Protein backbone atom coordinates (compact mmCIF):
# COMPACT_ATOMS: atom_id res chain seq x y z
CA MET A 1 -138.98 -47.89 94.50
CA THR A 2 -136.95 -47.30 91.41
CA SER A 3 -138.09 -45.72 88.24
CA THR A 4 -138.36 -48.72 85.86
CA PRO A 5 -139.98 -46.89 82.35
CA SER A 6 -141.41 -49.97 80.09
CA TRP A 7 -139.41 -48.40 76.95
CA PHE A 8 -139.73 -51.90 75.03
CA PRO A 9 -142.87 -52.91 72.70
CA SER A 10 -143.98 -56.41 73.65
CA SER A 11 -143.76 -57.55 70.26
CA SER A 12 -140.92 -58.62 68.65
CA LEU A 13 -141.59 -57.79 65.71
CA ALA A 14 -141.75 -54.38 66.13
CA ARG A 15 -138.52 -54.39 67.95
CA ARG A 16 -137.11 -55.81 64.95
CA ARG A 17 -138.69 -52.64 63.39
CA LEU A 18 -137.74 -50.35 65.09
CA LEU A 19 -133.84 -51.44 65.33
CA THR A 20 -134.35 -51.65 61.79
CA LEU A 21 -135.06 -48.21 60.72
CA ALA A 22 -132.81 -46.92 63.02
CA ALA A 23 -129.92 -48.40 61.67
CA ALA A 24 -131.24 -47.27 58.24
CA ALA A 25 -130.86 -43.44 59.49
CA PRO A 26 -127.03 -42.55 59.63
CA THR A 27 -127.81 -39.01 61.00
CA ALA A 28 -126.29 -35.49 59.77
CA ALA A 29 -123.23 -35.12 57.90
CA TRP A 30 -120.73 -37.24 59.90
CA TRP A 31 -118.84 -38.20 56.88
CA ALA A 32 -117.77 -35.13 56.74
CA SER A 33 -116.29 -34.95 59.55
CA PRO A 34 -112.22 -34.48 59.37
CA ALA A 35 -112.18 -36.33 62.83
CA LEU A 36 -113.17 -39.58 61.14
CA ALA A 37 -111.03 -42.15 59.60
CA ALA A 38 -110.27 -41.62 55.77
CA GLY A 39 -112.35 -44.38 53.60
CA THR A 40 -114.36 -45.16 56.42
CA ALA A 41 -117.69 -43.04 55.62
CA PRO A 42 -120.63 -44.76 53.46
CA PRO A 43 -122.89 -42.37 51.64
CA PRO A 44 -125.35 -39.70 52.83
CA ALA A 45 -128.85 -41.19 53.65
CA SER A 46 -131.59 -38.94 54.99
CA ALA A 47 -131.60 -37.78 58.70
CA LEU A 48 -134.81 -39.92 60.44
CA SER A 49 -137.92 -37.37 61.39
CA LEU A 50 -140.89 -38.17 63.18
CA PRO A 51 -143.85 -36.09 63.94
CA PRO A 52 -143.90 -34.02 66.87
CA LEU A 53 -146.23 -34.79 69.70
CA ALA A 54 -149.28 -32.68 69.86
CA LEU A 55 -149.37 -32.21 73.63
CA ARG A 56 -152.14 -30.48 75.46
CA GLN A 57 -150.87 -27.93 77.83
CA ARG A 58 -152.79 -25.65 80.59
CA ARG A 59 -152.06 -24.81 84.32
CA LEU A 60 -154.94 -24.76 86.23
CA ALA A 61 -155.24 -21.66 88.96
CA ASN A 62 -153.73 -23.27 91.78
CA GLY A 63 -150.34 -23.77 89.74
CA LEU A 64 -150.98 -27.49 88.99
CA ASP A 65 -149.39 -28.23 84.96
CA VAL A 66 -151.01 -30.25 83.23
CA ILE A 67 -149.70 -32.32 80.08
CA SER A 68 -151.65 -34.47 78.12
CA LEU A 69 -151.20 -36.07 74.94
CA PRO A 70 -153.96 -38.72 73.56
CA THR A 71 -152.86 -41.80 71.18
CA ARG A 72 -155.69 -43.39 70.27
CA THR A 73 -153.19 -46.63 69.54
CA GLY A 74 -154.23 -48.60 72.48
CA ALA A 75 -156.49 -49.63 75.31
CA THR A 76 -154.35 -48.03 78.41
CA VAL A 77 -153.48 -45.03 79.47
CA SER A 78 -150.46 -43.54 81.08
CA VAL A 79 -150.97 -41.33 84.49
CA GLN A 80 -147.70 -39.81 86.36
CA LEU A 81 -147.75 -37.31 88.04
CA TRP A 82 -144.37 -35.21 88.55
CA TYR A 83 -143.10 -33.72 91.94
CA ARG A 84 -140.21 -31.01 91.81
CA VAL A 85 -138.75 -31.67 94.49
CA GLY A 86 -135.55 -34.34 94.76
CA GLY A 87 -132.39 -35.25 96.72
CA LYS A 88 -131.40 -31.98 95.86
CA ASP A 89 -133.87 -30.11 98.08
CA ASP A 90 -133.45 -32.03 101.44
CA PRO A 91 -133.40 -29.67 104.49
CA ALA A 92 -129.77 -29.26 105.71
CA GLY A 93 -129.01 -32.34 107.90
CA ARG A 94 -132.09 -34.32 106.66
CA SER A 95 -130.80 -36.20 103.07
CA GLY A 96 -133.22 -38.64 102.18
CA PHE A 97 -136.73 -36.69 103.02
CA ALA A 98 -137.36 -36.68 98.94
CA HIS A 99 -136.37 -40.52 98.50
CA LEU A 100 -138.96 -41.01 101.84
CA PHE A 101 -141.72 -39.07 100.82
CA GLU A 102 -141.63 -41.00 97.48
CA HIS A 103 -142.31 -44.41 99.39
CA MET A 104 -145.01 -41.88 102.09
CA MET A 105 -147.31 -41.01 98.96
CA PHE A 106 -148.23 -45.50 99.08
CA LYS A 107 -149.59 -45.47 102.81
CA ARG A 108 -152.87 -44.50 103.57
CA SER A 109 -154.72 -40.52 102.88
CA ARG A 110 -157.75 -39.45 104.26
CA HIS A 111 -159.96 -41.30 101.74
CA MET A 112 -157.71 -44.46 101.18
CA PRO A 113 -155.87 -47.07 103.20
CA ASN A 114 -153.08 -48.29 103.07
CA GLU A 115 -152.32 -50.10 99.95
CA MET A 116 -155.28 -48.83 98.31
CA PHE A 117 -153.45 -47.57 95.55
CA ASP A 118 -151.50 -51.23 94.42
CA ARG A 119 -155.54 -52.19 94.28
CA LEU A 120 -156.72 -49.41 92.10
CA THR A 121 -153.65 -50.50 89.73
CA GLU A 122 -152.32 -53.65 89.77
CA ASP A 123 -155.62 -55.42 90.55
CA VAL A 124 -156.89 -53.95 87.70
CA GLY A 125 -154.55 -54.93 85.17
CA GLY A 126 -152.35 -52.17 85.53
CA GLN A 127 -149.00 -51.09 87.38
CA ASN A 128 -147.43 -48.40 89.60
CA ASN A 129 -144.10 -47.39 89.96
CA ALA A 130 -142.47 -43.94 91.86
CA PHE A 131 -138.61 -42.81 92.02
CA THR A 132 -136.49 -40.27 92.88
CA ALA A 133 -133.89 -38.59 91.86
CA GLU A 134 -131.68 -35.22 92.08
CA ASP A 135 -134.46 -32.53 91.11
CA MET A 136 -138.11 -34.87 90.62
CA THR A 137 -139.28 -37.27 92.37
CA GLY A 138 -142.19 -39.21 89.63
CA TYR A 139 -144.80 -40.92 89.84
CA GLN A 140 -145.39 -43.63 86.98
CA ASN A 141 -148.90 -45.77 86.51
CA GLU A 142 -150.74 -47.13 83.78
CA VAL A 143 -153.97 -48.75 83.76
CA PRO A 144 -156.51 -49.99 80.89
CA SER A 145 -158.65 -46.69 80.34
CA ASN A 146 -162.02 -46.88 81.73
CA HIS A 147 -159.95 -47.18 84.90
CA LEU A 148 -158.39 -43.61 84.09
CA GLU A 149 -161.10 -41.41 86.69
CA ARG A 150 -160.38 -43.45 89.68
CA LEU A 151 -156.55 -43.39 89.10
CA LEU A 152 -157.06 -39.22 88.67
CA TRP A 153 -159.25 -39.11 91.71
CA ALA A 154 -156.82 -41.19 93.82
CA GLU A 155 -153.43 -39.25 92.78
CA ALA A 156 -155.31 -35.92 93.92
CA GLU A 157 -156.74 -38.01 97.49
CA ARG A 158 -152.67 -38.57 97.96
CA MET A 159 -151.27 -35.06 97.09
CA GLY A 160 -154.01 -33.17 99.54
CA ASN A 161 -154.85 -35.45 102.20
CA LEU A 162 -152.07 -37.51 102.74
CA GLN A 163 -151.75 -38.77 106.59
CA VAL A 164 -147.77 -38.09 107.88
CA ASP A 165 -148.31 -39.88 110.67
CA GLN A 166 -146.01 -40.59 113.51
CA ALA A 167 -146.44 -44.61 112.38
CA ASN A 168 -146.28 -44.33 108.46
CA PHE A 169 -143.06 -42.48 108.80
CA ASP A 170 -141.47 -45.06 111.13
CA SER A 171 -142.06 -47.74 108.75
CA GLU A 172 -141.19 -45.98 105.77
CA ARG A 173 -137.72 -44.60 107.59
CA LYS A 174 -137.06 -48.58 107.87
CA VAL A 175 -137.69 -49.07 104.52
CA VAL A 176 -135.64 -46.62 103.27
CA ILE A 177 -132.41 -47.18 105.45
CA GLU A 178 -132.77 -50.86 104.67
CA GLU A 179 -132.67 -49.60 100.87
CA LEU A 180 -130.11 -47.95 102.19
CA HIS A 181 -128.02 -50.39 103.18
CA GLU A 182 -128.78 -52.63 100.27
CA ARG A 183 -127.86 -50.30 97.82
CA VAL A 184 -124.98 -48.33 99.69
CA TYR A 185 -123.58 -50.63 102.33
CA ALA A 186 -123.86 -53.96 101.08
CA ASP A 187 -122.78 -53.41 97.95
CA PRO A 188 -118.60 -53.86 97.36
CA TYR A 189 -118.56 -50.38 95.33
CA GLY A 190 -121.76 -49.09 96.69
CA ARG A 191 -119.70 -46.36 99.22
CA LEU A 192 -117.96 -44.96 95.94
CA PHE A 193 -120.76 -44.00 94.10
CA HIS A 194 -122.73 -42.53 97.73
CA ALA A 195 -119.66 -40.47 98.13
CA LEU A 196 -118.79 -39.17 94.15
CA PRO A 197 -121.19 -36.24 94.22
CA GLN A 198 -120.22 -35.34 97.71
CA HIS A 199 -116.92 -34.63 96.79
CA CYS A 200 -117.55 -33.63 93.33
CA PHE A 201 -119.85 -30.40 94.41
CA GLU A 202 -118.63 -27.74 96.73
CA ARG A 203 -121.34 -25.84 97.43
CA GLN A 204 -124.75 -26.82 95.40
CA PRO A 205 -127.45 -29.48 97.03
CA TYR A 206 -126.66 -31.80 94.46
CA GLN A 207 -123.70 -33.15 96.80
CA ARG A 208 -126.51 -34.67 99.14
CA PRO A 209 -127.02 -39.01 98.47
CA VAL A 210 -130.45 -38.91 97.01
CA VAL A 211 -130.84 -42.21 98.52
CA GLY A 212 -130.35 -40.86 102.52
CA ASN A 213 -127.67 -40.88 105.37
CA GLU A 214 -128.81 -43.27 108.29
CA ALA A 215 -127.73 -40.96 111.01
CA GLU A 216 -129.42 -37.99 109.56
CA LEU A 217 -133.22 -40.29 108.51
CA ASN A 218 -132.84 -41.70 112.33
CA ALA A 219 -132.46 -37.97 113.69
CA ALA A 220 -135.31 -36.96 111.46
CA THR A 221 -138.97 -36.02 113.62
CA LEU A 222 -142.91 -36.25 112.59
CA ASP A 223 -142.68 -32.19 112.96
CA ASP A 224 -139.63 -32.05 110.18
CA VAL A 225 -141.35 -34.82 107.49
CA GLN A 226 -144.65 -32.68 108.02
CA GLN A 227 -143.17 -29.76 106.95
CA PHE A 228 -141.46 -31.19 104.16
CA HIS A 229 -144.18 -32.05 102.48
CA ALA A 230 -146.63 -29.32 102.98
CA MET A 231 -143.63 -27.11 101.04
CA TYR A 232 -143.18 -29.55 98.50
CA TYR A 233 -146.33 -31.85 98.06
CA ARG A 234 -148.74 -28.93 96.51
CA PRO A 235 -150.43 -28.39 93.11
CA ASP A 236 -148.15 -25.83 92.44
CA ASN A 237 -144.93 -27.72 92.81
CA ALA A 238 -146.09 -30.59 90.07
CA VAL A 239 -146.88 -31.79 86.93
CA LEU A 240 -149.52 -34.30 86.09
CA ILE A 241 -149.20 -35.91 82.40
CA VAL A 242 -152.11 -38.13 80.86
CA VAL A 243 -150.61 -40.34 77.58
CA GLY A 244 -152.88 -42.71 75.91
CA ASP A 245 -157.00 -43.68 75.36
CA PHE A 246 -158.66 -40.88 76.96
CA ASP A 247 -161.11 -38.18 75.66
CA PRO A 248 -159.55 -34.91 75.79
CA PRO A 249 -163.01 -33.11 76.72
CA GLN A 250 -163.11 -35.26 79.67
CA LEU A 251 -160.25 -35.94 81.10
CA ASP A 252 -160.38 -31.78 81.10
CA ALA A 253 -163.42 -32.02 83.46
CA TRP A 254 -161.95 -34.89 85.91
CA VAL A 255 -158.86 -33.26 86.18
CA ASP A 256 -160.92 -29.74 87.00
CA ARG A 257 -163.01 -31.66 89.41
CA TYR A 258 -160.63 -33.39 91.13
CA PHE A 259 -157.25 -31.60 91.18
CA GLY A 260 -159.10 -27.85 90.95
CA LYS A 261 -160.36 -27.98 94.25
CA LEU A 262 -157.31 -28.29 95.78
CA VAL A 263 -155.87 -25.41 97.33
CA ALA A 264 -152.01 -24.11 96.85
CA PRO A 265 -150.05 -22.74 99.94
CA GLN A 266 -149.53 -18.78 100.10
CA ARG A 267 -146.08 -19.67 101.05
CA PRO A 268 -143.25 -19.85 98.68
CA ILE A 269 -141.62 -22.87 97.79
CA ALA A 270 -137.94 -22.79 99.47
CA ARG A 271 -135.52 -23.86 96.74
CA ALA A 272 -131.12 -24.74 97.77
CA LEU A 273 -130.14 -22.78 95.13
CA ALA A 274 -125.92 -22.04 95.30
CA THR A 275 -123.43 -20.86 92.68
CA GLU A 276 -120.72 -23.86 92.37
CA PRO A 277 -117.45 -22.06 92.10
CA VAL A 278 -115.11 -23.09 89.24
CA ARG A 279 -113.08 -25.61 90.57
CA ALA A 280 -109.38 -24.21 91.18
CA LYS A 281 -107.48 -27.07 91.38
CA SER A 282 -107.91 -30.80 90.85
CA ASP A 283 -107.58 -32.87 94.79
CA ARG A 284 -107.47 -36.27 95.30
CA VAL A 285 -109.54 -38.30 98.19
CA THR A 286 -109.64 -41.45 99.78
CA VAL A 287 -112.86 -43.26 100.76
CA LYS A 288 -112.80 -46.42 102.49
CA ALA A 289 -115.45 -48.86 102.81
CA PRO A 290 -114.89 -52.39 104.90
CA ASN A 291 -115.55 -54.59 102.25
CA VAL A 292 -113.88 -53.87 98.82
CA PRO A 293 -112.74 -56.66 97.50
CA LEU A 294 -109.96 -55.05 95.27
CA PRO A 295 -109.62 -51.18 94.82
CA ALA A 296 -111.03 -48.25 92.36
CA VAL A 297 -110.67 -44.86 91.32
CA ALA A 298 -113.08 -42.95 90.11
CA LEU A 299 -112.66 -38.86 88.17
CA ALA A 300 -115.25 -36.33 88.78
CA TRP A 301 -115.69 -33.11 86.53
CA ARG A 302 -118.78 -30.32 87.27
CA GLY A 303 -121.21 -30.96 84.16
CA PRO A 304 -123.22 -28.27 82.91
CA PRO A 305 -126.76 -28.70 83.16
CA ALA A 306 -129.66 -31.19 81.31
CA SER A 307 -130.19 -28.15 78.73
CA HIS A 308 -126.53 -26.94 77.89
CA GLU A 309 -125.92 -27.04 74.40
CA ASP A 310 -123.48 -29.50 74.94
CA ALA A 311 -125.87 -32.34 76.60
CA PRO A 312 -126.43 -34.71 73.50
CA ALA A 313 -122.50 -34.18 72.70
CA LEU A 314 -122.08 -35.49 76.32
CA GLU A 315 -124.21 -38.43 75.95
CA VAL A 316 -122.48 -39.50 72.68
CA ALA A 317 -119.35 -39.20 74.27
CA GLN A 318 -120.25 -41.46 77.33
CA ALA A 319 -121.81 -44.36 74.98
CA ILE A 320 -119.29 -44.17 72.87
CA LEU A 321 -116.35 -44.49 75.88
CA SER A 322 -118.73 -46.93 78.27
CA SER A 323 -122.14 -48.32 76.55
CA GLY A 324 -121.86 -51.77 75.91
CA ASP A 325 -118.65 -54.55 75.46
CA SER A 326 -117.36 -52.98 72.50
CA SER A 327 -116.62 -49.86 74.10
CA ARG A 328 -113.47 -47.84 74.53
CA LEU A 329 -112.71 -48.16 77.84
CA ASN A 330 -114.37 -52.14 78.13
CA GLU A 331 -112.00 -52.94 75.26
CA SER A 332 -109.13 -51.50 76.67
CA LEU A 333 -109.03 -51.50 80.17
CA VAL A 334 -111.16 -55.12 80.91
CA TYR A 335 -110.66 -57.17 77.49
CA THR A 336 -106.69 -55.96 76.13
CA THR A 337 -104.94 -55.01 78.84
CA GLN A 338 -106.96 -56.86 81.35
CA MET A 339 -106.03 -53.88 84.09
CA ALA A 340 -109.92 -53.18 85.42
CA GLN A 341 -113.13 -55.76 86.06
CA SER A 342 -115.05 -53.39 84.57
CA ALA A 343 -114.97 -49.46 83.92
CA GLY A 344 -117.22 -46.65 82.69
CA PHE A 345 -118.09 -43.04 81.87
CA VAL A 346 -120.90 -40.89 83.22
CA ALA A 347 -122.84 -37.51 81.95
CA ASP A 348 -125.06 -37.40 84.91
CA LEU A 349 -127.12 -33.55 83.70
CA TYR A 350 -129.30 -32.00 86.05
CA ALA A 351 -131.62 -29.14 86.08
CA GLU A 352 -128.77 -26.34 87.28
CA SER A 353 -125.80 -27.99 86.91
CA GLY A 354 -124.23 -32.06 86.35
CA MET A 355 -121.12 -34.29 87.11
CA LEU A 356 -118.68 -36.18 84.68
CA ALA A 357 -116.83 -39.40 85.71
CA ALA A 358 -114.60 -41.91 84.76
CA TYR A 359 -114.26 -44.84 87.07
CA ALA A 360 -112.79 -48.16 87.17
CA MET A 361 -112.19 -51.41 89.49
CA ALA A 362 -109.12 -52.81 89.86
CA ALA A 363 -108.51 -56.23 88.69
CA SER A 364 -106.42 -58.50 90.85
CA GLY A 365 -102.45 -56.67 91.06
CA GLN A 366 -103.00 -53.05 89.21
CA SER A 367 -101.99 -50.09 90.47
CA LEU A 368 -105.02 -47.30 91.57
CA ARG A 369 -102.68 -44.68 89.57
CA LYS A 370 -102.20 -46.86 86.31
CA LEU A 371 -105.99 -47.57 86.01
CA GLU A 372 -106.37 -43.44 86.79
CA SER A 373 -103.89 -43.12 83.76
CA ALA A 374 -105.07 -45.80 81.46
CA LEU A 375 -108.79 -43.99 81.94
CA ILE A 376 -107.38 -40.57 81.04
CA GLU A 377 -105.29 -41.72 78.49
CA GLN A 378 -108.63 -43.11 76.48
CA ILE A 379 -110.59 -39.65 77.07
CA THR A 380 -107.62 -38.24 75.50
CA GLY A 381 -107.74 -40.68 72.71
CA LEU A 382 -111.43 -40.09 72.13
CA ALA A 383 -111.57 -36.18 72.30
CA ARG A 384 -107.99 -35.31 69.90
CA GLY A 385 -107.94 -39.08 68.00
CA VAL A 386 -109.32 -40.46 65.00
CA VAL A 387 -113.50 -41.05 65.91
CA ARG A 388 -114.29 -44.00 63.60
CA PHE A 389 -117.44 -44.54 61.81
CA VAL A 390 -118.33 -47.62 63.31
CA GLU A 391 -118.44 -46.44 66.54
CA MET A 392 -120.39 -43.02 65.91
CA ASP A 393 -123.12 -45.07 63.89
CA ARG A 394 -123.01 -47.90 66.98
CA VAL A 395 -123.93 -45.49 69.34
CA ARG A 396 -125.98 -43.20 67.60
CA ASN A 397 -128.26 -46.18 66.67
CA GLN A 398 -128.38 -47.15 70.07
CA LEU A 399 -129.40 -43.79 70.97
CA LEU A 400 -131.77 -43.53 68.58
CA THR A 401 -132.99 -47.22 69.13
CA ALA A 402 -134.32 -46.27 72.49
CA THR A 403 -135.82 -42.76 72.10
CA LEU A 404 -137.94 -44.86 69.34
CA MET A 405 -139.07 -47.24 71.65
CA GLN A 406 -139.40 -45.13 74.28
CA ARG A 407 -142.18 -43.51 72.57
CA GLN A 408 -144.51 -46.52 71.42
CA THR A 409 -145.60 -47.05 74.69
CA PRO A 410 -147.91 -44.32 77.26
CA GLN A 411 -145.17 -44.97 79.67
CA GLY A 412 -142.44 -44.18 77.68
CA MET A 413 -143.55 -40.66 75.82
CA ALA A 414 -145.15 -39.78 79.35
CA GLU A 415 -141.39 -40.46 80.92
CA ALA A 416 -140.04 -38.58 77.86
CA ILE A 417 -142.56 -35.77 78.86
CA GLY A 418 -141.48 -35.46 82.52
CA ARG A 419 -138.09 -35.40 82.28
CA ALA A 420 -138.50 -32.42 79.32
CA ALA A 421 -140.95 -30.26 81.82
CA ILE A 422 -138.24 -30.91 84.57
CA LEU A 423 -134.72 -31.19 83.31
CA LEU A 424 -134.90 -28.62 80.32
CA GLY A 425 -137.96 -26.45 81.24
CA ASP A 426 -140.49 -27.15 78.75
CA ALA A 427 -142.13 -30.46 78.01
CA ARG A 428 -141.95 -29.47 74.02
CA LEU A 429 -138.49 -29.96 74.48
CA ALA A 430 -138.76 -33.95 74.44
CA ASN A 431 -140.02 -33.23 70.22
CA GLN A 432 -136.33 -32.14 69.51
CA ARG A 433 -134.16 -35.26 71.11
CA ILE A 434 -134.23 -36.96 68.08
CA ALA A 435 -132.76 -33.90 65.97
CA ARG A 436 -130.24 -33.31 68.33
CA LEU A 437 -128.88 -36.53 68.84
CA GLN A 438 -128.41 -36.62 64.70
CA ALA A 439 -127.16 -33.20 64.86
CA VAL A 440 -123.84 -34.13 67.06
CA GLU A 441 -120.65 -34.93 64.87
CA PRO A 442 -117.44 -36.16 65.94
CA ARG A 443 -116.07 -33.06 66.22
CA ASP A 444 -118.68 -32.16 68.90
CA VAL A 445 -118.06 -35.31 71.04
CA GLN A 446 -114.20 -33.63 70.91
CA ARG A 447 -114.88 -30.61 71.64
CA VAL A 448 -117.13 -31.09 74.60
CA LEU A 449 -114.73 -33.70 75.88
CA GLU A 450 -111.53 -31.04 75.51
CA ARG A 451 -114.03 -28.67 77.35
CA HIS A 452 -115.60 -30.14 80.06
CA VAL A 453 -112.79 -32.81 80.68
CA LEU A 454 -109.32 -32.21 79.77
CA LYS A 455 -109.10 -28.28 80.46
CA ALA A 456 -111.09 -28.83 83.83
CA GLN A 457 -110.19 -29.24 87.32
CA ARG A 458 -111.02 -32.63 89.02
CA VAL A 459 -111.70 -34.58 92.15
CA THR A 460 -109.88 -38.20 92.14
CA VAL A 461 -111.56 -40.42 94.37
CA ASP A 462 -108.46 -43.78 95.61
CA TYR A 463 -111.58 -46.11 97.16
CA VAL A 464 -109.40 -49.13 99.23
CA GLN A 465 -110.34 -51.54 101.91
CA GLY A 466 -110.53 -49.92 105.03
CA PRO A 467 -112.67 -48.82 108.14
CA ALA A 468 -115.52 -46.58 106.80
CA ALA A 469 -115.07 -42.60 108.18
């Protein structure tokens, strides 16, 4: 399963209104920046602002964080349970456990048979999904409002009474390994992105692949899996988020009834924490794979955590460099010079650290060193050259529109709340996303690229045809 948030409203008219609203709201004082091309700035306009999400927050005696937001705008409700466990928490030599439990949680519990969770959601016109990331595992559901109580019961039931037995372990381990083959081994460039964090980080557990490692999954025992479940799937390691059409006092009573009786274990939650040293020098490695049609190159730098003040500017930089056909890397490497089949830049920022990466898949006959130089040239051009107003306007509107659309549905709002709670440490910071994006000016984009990329050491990964290690 993967995370597929329902950000987009079903009405095309609503989408057009949101796009118009976002496009009509130039942000902050972009035109005052000396980094902008002369004569391209529009007249000043008011910044876009939205009323804050009126979150209701409380913590149960067993440590469960409960965040709710009544909207009264429809007849559905989103119930999401986010556990503070992700790929970084996999035991040493057992990568893929967090991902495994994303699947295991849909198996039987003491009072629910296999697949009953699907029946409680899909069969009543709702939906369910789940995802695993570096810092979290999220379970996302949306159902008609009159099914809220039974869904709360079901989430509490699988939190407290999941049957972690050999049969379920064996079946879901096979599913996870099949997913690993499909997403990593069968994809011509899957092994490149699978390997990139392992070479970017030296000590932090973010170097572990979230999707897992086949040998380590096969070596795992039922006792390993049961201990992992007992350690992390507990009320004091979870955030329950409810957004939509519900009565707040009734919600509180149901939460107390079904979740309040769960007991948190006495032992503390194990955290795989490590201080990542500053990379002393740049490095170069080669990764081989058996089905590489044309070689590729990737450059990776350590980045800041998601809560860092530079995070919004790095998000804007990522969009300028690689969001859409008119982005700088696509225009230059793919369309103008035709050096690459595809190219991109990602800013993956986690709760405790981050990874910045630029990559390009070579076109026929192109050398990796020329591609590497072209990637650096484009990043340098953005960091030290002229930032055009039109591209700032384009990417800002893209980001603001996505944020606005996310806030149109219970699922989208719950997703934003969950990410703020886990990655930023405070659900209320979901209210600051629009303001933080609008505060980014061209000089901020240039400053963060200079600081975190151009003045930092990197690892270069050459990806070529050959027998996999």
